[in-house]
Each structure stands twice: as C-alpha cells, then as structure tokens.
Amino acid sequence: MSPLPPFEQATGCPPPGRYAMTWDEVEASLVHADRFSSSTVRGALWEELRVHRALVELLAGPPSRVWLAGSFVSSKLDPSDIDVTYLLEAEAYGAISEQDDLADLANLEDREWCFRNQMRIDAYVLSLPATQDFRSLGVTGAMATGDAEVFQRLGLYDEIWQRCRVGNGHRRGYVEVSQ
C-alpha cells in the first residue's frame, strides 16, 4: 500500500502536503498502478528520470532527498514531463567546483537541454542548509553563512510544488523520496 493518499477529485492531485515514499513505492503508485495501465508515456518518463538522476549523482553524489511534483504526481494519464528537485547536503553542493561539472549540472537543470537529450525532465538542484543544530536556526550569528537564502529557496520550491494549475487557489501534494 502506497503512502500516497487518493487523488482529490477537484484537482486530480494528492491533497496538499509532502508525502514520503521510496523509489519503489513511487514506481508502483505512479507508473505501474492499474489506473495508469493504458498510459503511453509514464514508463518512458520513469526511465528518463532514472537516467537523469544517475547523471546528477555522477556529478554531485546521491541527493539527500528528491521532490517529485507536477502532472506526474497526479491522475493525468499521460503527463508531459516530470518535475523534480534534488536536495543535496550543503557540503556536497559546495564541493561541486570543477567548471565542467558545474556546466554539466546546469545543463541537467535546463529544461530545453533535457528535452533535446530525450529527457522530459524539469529539474532543480538545491542545497540543504549547512546548519544542522535546530536550536541554532534562530540565533543571530549561529546559522551558517548563506543558510537564510537556502531556506528561502527551499520554501519557494515547496510553495511552487503545492500550487495547482487547476482552479484558482487549489493546492496539491507532492512526493519526497529520501535516499
């Protein structure tokens, strides 16, 4: 049984929130579920995501978490792409310094580049905060340099992934896969 709740009738999406799933659960729920048996694209999109994820991992190492959203995480039979956000530990994110690696990672975040390379992926790569101790977050000077901006970007994408194109003001859920 998948931890993904039933899709809401009004939006065709999970209820608002972030739903923790494994890669196997995502595949079972959003690729191989009976409701998607006549999809002509979900299986191919899933394979394209596998390739994309492998390329990101070659450059940056395994992400700590991955957010999946958009029409792929909906009742839409044949979504046009997969929206994905890779969340890297701050140390791993900061360690990407080779110009070629940075350029390759930028390509993997470029929707048009991905489409030209047969990957219908709309991707973002974000750093997680360097501040580990929760008690330090609100203490002036205790938070790692740059973490305020990191938290703002994480909040931005969390908000974007919960916005619905269907109807004004509707919200939706999305999936989080931990490594």
C-alpha atoms as a PDB file:
ATOM      1  CA  MET A   1       0.000   0.000   0.000  1.00  0.00           C
ATOM      2  CA  SER A   2       1.376   3.360  -1.030  1.00  0.00           C
ATOM      3  CA  PRO A   3       1.615   6.232   1.462  1.00  0.00           C
ATOM      4  CA  LEU A   4       0.298   8.490  -1.329  1.00  0.00           C
ATOM      5  CA  PRO A   5      -3.335   9.321  -0.495  1.00  0.00           C
ATOM      6  CA  PRO A   6      -6.045   9.136  -3.151  1.00  0.00           C
ATOM      7  CA  PHE A   7      -6.089  11.955  -5.678  1.00  0.00           C
ATOM      8  CA  GLU A   8      -8.644  14.675  -4.989  1.00  0.00           C
ATOM      9  CA  GLN A   9     -11.479  14.777  -7.483  1.00  0.00           C
ATOM     10  CA  ALA A  10     -11.360  18.571  -7.954  1.00  0.00           C
ATOM     11  CA  THR A  11      -7.649  18.694  -8.833  1.00  0.00           C
ATOM     12  CA  GLY A  12      -6.623  15.175  -9.819  1.00  0.00           C
ATOM     13  CA  CYS A  13      -3.724  15.599  -7.375  1.00  0.00           C
ATOM     14  CA  PRO A  14      -2.907  14.362  -3.879  1.00  0.00           C
ATOM     15  CA  PRO A  15      -4.182  16.570  -1.052  1.00  0.00           C
ATOM     16  CA  PRO A  16      -1.763  19.349  -0.050  1.00  0.00           C
ATOM     17  CA  GLY A  17       1.357  18.163   1.736  1.00  0.00           C
ATOM     18  CA  ARG A  18       4.636  16.379   1.209  1.00  0.00           C
ATOM     19  CA  TYR A  19       4.367  12.588   1.093  1.00  0.00           C
ATOM     20  CA  ALA A  20       7.363  10.414   1.972  1.00  0.00           C
ATOM     21  CA  MET A  21       7.775   7.467  -0.384  1.00  0.00           C
ATOM     22  CA  THR A  22      10.503   5.105  -1.543  1.00  0.00           C
ATOM     23  CA  TRP A  23      11.541   4.871  -5.199  1.00  0.00           C
ATOM     24  CA  ASP A  24       9.777   1.504  -5.402  1.00  0.00           C
ATOM     25  CA  GLU A  25       6.565   2.984  -3.967  1.00  0.00           C
ATOM     26  CA  VAL A  26       6.677   5.871  -6.431  1.00  0.00           C
ATOM     27  CA  GLU A  27       7.132   3.477  -9.336  1.00  0.00           C
ATOM     28  CA  ALA A  28       4.316   1.225  -8.127  1.00  0.00           C
ATOM     29  CA  SER A  29       1.936   4.141  -7.454  1.00  0.00           C
ATOM     30  CA  LEU A  30       2.670   6.473 -10.359  1.00  0.00           C
ATOM     31  CA  VAL A  31       3.914   4.175 -13.132  1.00  0.00           C
ATOM     32  CA  HIS A  32       2.550   0.644 -12.663  1.00  0.00           C
ATOM     33  CA  ALA A  33      -0.729   1.274 -10.825  1.00  0.00           C
ATOM     34  CA  ASP A  34      -3.796  -0.147 -12.570  1.00  0.00           C
ATOM     35  CA  ARG A  35      -5.164   3.354 -13.179  1.00  0.00           C
ATOM     36  CA  PHE A  36      -2.118   4.088 -15.379  1.00  0.00           C
ATOM     37  CA  SER A  37      -2.026   0.769 -17.266  1.00  0.00           C
ATOM     38  CA  SER A  38      -3.038   2.427 -20.547  1.00  0.00           C
ATOM     39  CA  SER A  39      -0.556   5.299 -20.235  1.00  0.00           C
ATOM     40  CA  THR A  40       1.667   5.667 -23.262  1.00  0.00           C
ATOM     41  CA  VAL A  41       4.321   7.773 -21.502  1.00  0.00           C
ATOM     42  CA  ARG A  42       4.622   7.063 -17.773  1.00  0.00           C
ATOM     43  CA  GLY A  43       7.020   4.137 -18.198  1.00  0.00           C
ATOM     44  CA  ALA A  44       9.250   6.104 -20.565  1.00  0.00           C
ATOM     45  CA  LEU A  45       9.203   9.160 -18.279  1.00  0.00           C
ATOM     46  CA  TRP A  46      10.244   6.946 -15.372  1.00  0.00           C
ATOM     47  CA  GLU A  47      13.216   5.608 -17.366  1.00  0.00           C
ATOM     48  CA  GLU A  48      14.190   9.150 -18.378  1.00  0.00           C
ATOM     49  CA  LEU A  49      14.132  10.155 -14.699  1.00  0.00           C
ATOM     50  CA  ARG A  50      16.396   7.189 -13.861  1.00  0.00           C
ATOM     51  CA  VAL A  51      18.928   8.376 -16.446  1.00  0.00           C
ATOM     52  CA  HIS A  52      18.668  11.992 -15.289  1.00  0.00           C
ATOM     53  CA  ARG A  53      19.061  11.004 -11.633  1.00  0.00           C
ATOM     54  CA  ALA A  54      22.118   8.884 -12.460  1.00  0.00           C
ATOM     55  CA  LEU A  55      23.726  11.836 -14.253  1.00  0.00           C
ATOM     56  CA  VAL A  56      23.059  14.157 -11.308  1.00  0.00           C
ATOM     57  CA  GLU A  57      24.544  11.554  -8.952  1.00  0.00           C
ATOM     58  CA  LEU A  58      27.679  11.265 -11.107  1.00  0.00           C
ATOM     59  CA  LEU A  59      28.262  14.990 -10.737  1.00  0.00           C
ATOM     60  CA  ALA A  60      27.049  15.665  -7.209  1.00  0.00           C
ATOM     61  CA  GLY A  61      26.743  12.334  -5.439  1.00  0.00           C
ATOM     62  CA  PRO A  62      23.439  10.946  -4.229  1.00  0.00           C
ATOM     63  CA  PRO A  63      20.959  13.609  -3.156  1.00  0.00           C
ATOM     64  CA  SER A  64      19.739  13.545   0.416  1.00  0.00           C
ATOM     65  CA  ARG A  65      16.145  13.871  -0.747  1.00  0.00           C
ATOM     66  CA  VAL A  66      14.261  14.269  -4.011  1.00  0.00           C
ATOM     67  CA  TRP A  67      10.962  16.062  -4.535  1.00  0.00           C
ATOM     68  CA  LEU A  68       8.691  14.869  -7.370  1.00  0.00           C
ATOM     69  CA  ALA A  69       5.777  17.023  -8.442  1.00  0.00           C
ATOM     70  CA  GLY A  70       3.654  18.311 -11.263  1.00  0.00           C
ATOM     71  CA  SER A  71       1.396  16.320 -13.537  1.00  0.00           C
ATOM     72  CA  PHE A  72       3.456  13.160 -12.996  1.00  0.00           C
ATOM     73  CA  VAL A  73       2.210  13.194  -9.388  1.00  0.00           C
ATOM     74  CA  SER A  74      -1.404  13.420 -10.495  1.00  0.00           C
ATOM     75  CA  SER A  75      -4.151  11.385 -12.086  1.00  0.00           C
ATOM     76  CA  LYS A  76      -3.171  12.637 -15.550  1.00  0.00           C
ATOM     77  CA  LEU A  77      -2.803   9.520 -17.691  1.00  0.00           C
ATOM     78  CA  ASP A  78      -0.048  10.887 -19.920  1.00  0.00           C
ATOM     79  CA  PRO A  79       1.894  13.708 -18.241  1.00  0.00           C
ATOM     80  CA  SER A  80       4.252  15.706 -20.445  1.00  0.00           C
ATOM     81  CA  ASP A  81       7.224  15.631 -18.063  1.00  0.00           C
ATOM     82  CA  ILE A  82       8.418  15.048 -14.511  1.00  0.00           C
ATOM     83  CA  ASP A  83       9.147  17.976 -12.205  1.00  0.00           C
ATOM     84  CA  VAL A  84      11.980  17.098  -9.842  1.00  0.00           C
ATOM     85  CA  THR A  85      14.039  18.890  -7.220  1.00  0.00           C
ATOM     86  CA  TYR A  86      17.247  17.270  -5.991  1.00  0.00           C
ATOM     87  CA  LEU A  87      18.204  18.313  -2.445  1.00  0.00           C
ATOM     88  CA  LEU A  88      21.923  17.963  -1.754  1.00  0.00           C
ATOM     89  CA  GLU A  89      23.672  18.186   1.577  1.00  0.00           C
ATOM     90  CA  ALA A  90      25.379  21.591   1.842  1.00  0.00           C
ATOM     91  CA  GLU A  91      28.854  20.040   1.873  1.00  0.00           C
ATOM     92  CA  ALA A  92      28.194  18.023  -1.303  1.00  0.00           C
ATOM     93  CA  TYR A  93      26.605  21.018  -3.029  1.00  0.00           C
ATOM     94  CA  GLY A  94      29.557  23.248  -2.132  1.00  0.00           C
ATOM     95  CA  ALA A  95      32.073  20.634  -3.285  1.00  0.00           C
ATOM     96  CA  ILE A  96      30.964  20.905  -6.917  1.00  0.00           C
ATOM     97  CA  SER A  97      33.669  23.246  -8.155  1.00  0.00           C
ATOM     98  CA  GLU A  98      35.019  21.926 -11.461  1.00  0.00           C
ATOM     99  CA  GLN A  99      33.817  24.198 -14.264  1.00  0.00           C
ATOM    100  CA  ASP A 100      32.886  21.229 -16.467  1.00  0.00           C
ATOM    101  CA  ASP A 101      30.852  19.678 -13.642  1.00  0.00           C
ATOM    102  CA  LEU A 102      29.090  22.969 -12.957  1.00  0.00           C
ATOM    103  CA  ALA A 103      28.294  23.343 -16.664  1.00  0.00           C
ATOM    104  CA  ASP A 104      27.007  19.768 -16.870  1.00  0.00           C
ATOM    105  CA  LEU A 105      24.849  20.263 -13.775  1.00  0.00           C
ATOM    106  CA  ALA A 106      23.475  23.499 -15.259  1.00  0.00           C
ATOM    107  CA  ASN A 107      22.549  21.545 -18.400  1.00  0.00           C
ATOM    108  CA  LEU A 108      20.684  18.981 -16.285  1.00  0.00           C
ATOM    109  CA  GLU A 109      18.695  21.880 -14.805  1.00  0.00           C
ATOM    110  CA  ASP A 110      17.922  23.304 -18.263  1.00  0.00           C
ATOM    111  CA  ARG A 111      14.542  22.042 -19.425  1.00  0.00           C
ATOM    112  CA  GLU A 112      15.290  22.620 -23.116  1.00  0.00           C
ATOM    113  CA  TRP A 113      18.664  20.850 -22.878  1.00  0.00           C
ATOM    114  CA  CYS A 114      16.982  17.886 -21.182  1.00  0.00           C
ATOM    115  CA  PHE A 115      14.267  17.703 -23.846  1.00  0.00           C
ATOM    116  CA  ARG A 116      16.867  17.857 -26.647  1.00  0.00           C
ATOM    117  CA  ASN A 117      18.598  14.934 -24.943  1.00  0.00           C
ATOM    118  CA  GLN A 118      15.439  12.811 -24.692  1.00  0.00           C
ATOM    119  CA  MET A 119      14.722  13.519 -21.035  1.00  0.00           C
ATOM    120  CA  ARG A 120      11.356  15.140 -20.355  1.00  0.00           C
ATOM    121  CA  ILE A 121      12.580  16.400 -17.005  1.00  0.00           C
ATOM    122  CA  ASP A 122      12.112  19.823 -15.415  1.00  0.00           C
ATOM    123  CA  ALA A 123      14.814  19.762 -12.737  1.00  0.00           C
ATOM    124  CA  TYR A 124      16.259  21.904  -9.993  1.00  0.00           C
ATOM    125  CA  VAL A 125      19.266  21.174  -7.787  1.00  0.00           C
ATOM    126  CA  LEU A 126      19.216  22.846  -4.385  1.00  0.00           C
ATOM    127  CA  SER A 127      21.442  22.851  -1.365  1.00  0.00           C
ATOM    128  CA  LEU A 128      20.129  21.892   2.031  1.00  0.00           C
ATOM    129  CA  PRO A 129      21.105  24.169   4.931  1.00  0.00           C
ATOM    130  CA  ALA A 130      24.561  23.753   6.411  1.00  0.00           C
ATOM    131  CA  THR A 131      23.164  24.490   9.876  1.00  0.00           C
ATOM    132  CA  GLN A 132      22.469  21.126  11.485  1.00  0.00           C
ATOM    133  CA  ASP A 133      21.519  22.101  15.025  1.00  0.00           C
ATOM    134  CA  PHE A 134      17.880  23.174  15.030  1.00  0.00           C
ATOM    135  CA  ARG A 135      18.473  25.311  18.116  1.00  0.00           C
ATOM    136  CA  SER A 136      20.951  27.461  16.134  1.00  0.00           C
ATOM    137  CA  LEU A 137      18.479  28.457  13.446  1.00  0.00           C
ATOM    138  CA  GLY A 138      17.016  31.429  15.260  1.00  0.00           C
ATOM    139  CA  VAL A 139      20.189  32.618  16.955  1.00  0.00           C
ATOM    140  CA  THR A 140      21.875  35.564  15.267  1.00  0.00           C
ATOM    141  CA  GLY A 141      25.293  34.511  14.070  1.00  0.00           C
ATOM    142  CA  ALA A 142      24.732  30.825  14.830  1.00  0.00           C
ATOM    143  CA  MET A 143      23.226  29.966  11.459  1.00  0.00           C
ATOM    144  CA  ALA A 144      25.751  29.060   8.769  1.00  0.00           C
ATOM    145  CA  THR A 145      26.534  31.810   6.276  1.00  0.00           C
ATOM    146  CA  GLY A 146      24.110  31.692   3.378  1.00  0.00           C
ATOM    147  CA  ASP A 147      21.571  29.455   5.111  1.00  0.00           C
ATOM    148  CA  ALA A 148      18.897  32.160   5.179  1.00  0.00           C
ATOM    149  CA  GLU A 149      18.946  32.186   1.366  1.00  0.00           C
ATOM    150  CA  VAL A 150      18.963  28.369   1.299  1.00  0.00           C
ATOM    151  CA  PHE A 151      15.850  28.264   3.488  1.00  0.00           C
ATOM    152  CA  GLN A 152      14.155  30.832   1.244  1.00  0.00           C
ATOM    153  CA  ARG A 153      14.838  28.753  -1.894  1.00  0.00           C
ATOM    154  CA  LEU A 154      13.587  25.576  -0.211  1.00  0.00           C
ATOM    155  CA  GLY A 155      10.435  27.395   0.858  1.00  0.00           C
ATOM    156  CA  LEU A 156       9.962  28.778  -2.644  1.00  0.00           C
ATOM    157  CA  TYR A 157      10.053  25.332  -4.254  1.00  0.00           C
ATOM    158  CA  ASP A 158       7.878  23.817  -1.530  1.00  0.00           C
ATOM    159  CA  GLU A 159       5.297  26.507  -2.308  1.00  0.00           C
ATOM    160  CA  ILE A 160       5.630  26.092  -6.086  1.00  0.00           C
ATOM    161  CA  TRP A 161       5.168  22.311  -5.924  1.00  0.00           C
ATOM    162  CA  GLN A 162       1.992  22.751  -3.852  1.00  0.00           C
ATOM    163  CA  ARG A 163       0.398  25.161  -6.317  1.00  0.00           C
ATOM    164  CA  CYS A 164      -2.214  23.814  -8.722  1.00  0.00           C
ATOM    165  CA  ARG A 165      -2.841  24.939 -12.275  1.00  0.00           C
ATOM    166  CA  VAL A 166      -6.390  23.639 -11.944  1.00  0.00           C
ATOM    167  CA  GLY A 167      -8.647  26.275 -10.432  1.00  0.00           C
ATOM    168  CA  ASN A 168      -7.608  29.396  -8.619  1.00  0.00           C
ATOM    169  CA  GLY A 169      -6.315  28.768  -5.127  1.00  0.00           C
ATOM    170  CA  HIS A 170      -6.317  24.962  -5.260  1.00  0.00           C
ATOM    171  CA  ARG A 171      -3.322  23.287  -3.679  1.00  0.00           C
ATOM    172  CA  ARG A 172      -1.802  19.876  -4.239  1.00  0.00           C
ATOM    173  CA  GLY A 173       0.591  17.446  -2.650  1.00  0.00           C
ATOM    174  CA  TYR A 174       3.917  16.196  -3.894  1.00  0.00           C
ATOM    175  CA  VAL A 175       6.300  13.350  -3.146  1.00  0.00           C
ATOM    176  CA  GLU A 176       9.573  13.282  -1.222  1.00  0.00           C
ATOM    177  CA  VAL A 177      11.962  10.374  -1.708  1.00  0.00           C
ATOM    178  CA  SER A 178      14.761  10.025   0.832  1.00  0.00           C
ATOM    179  CA  GLN A 179      17.936   8.228  -0.190  1.00  0.00           C
END
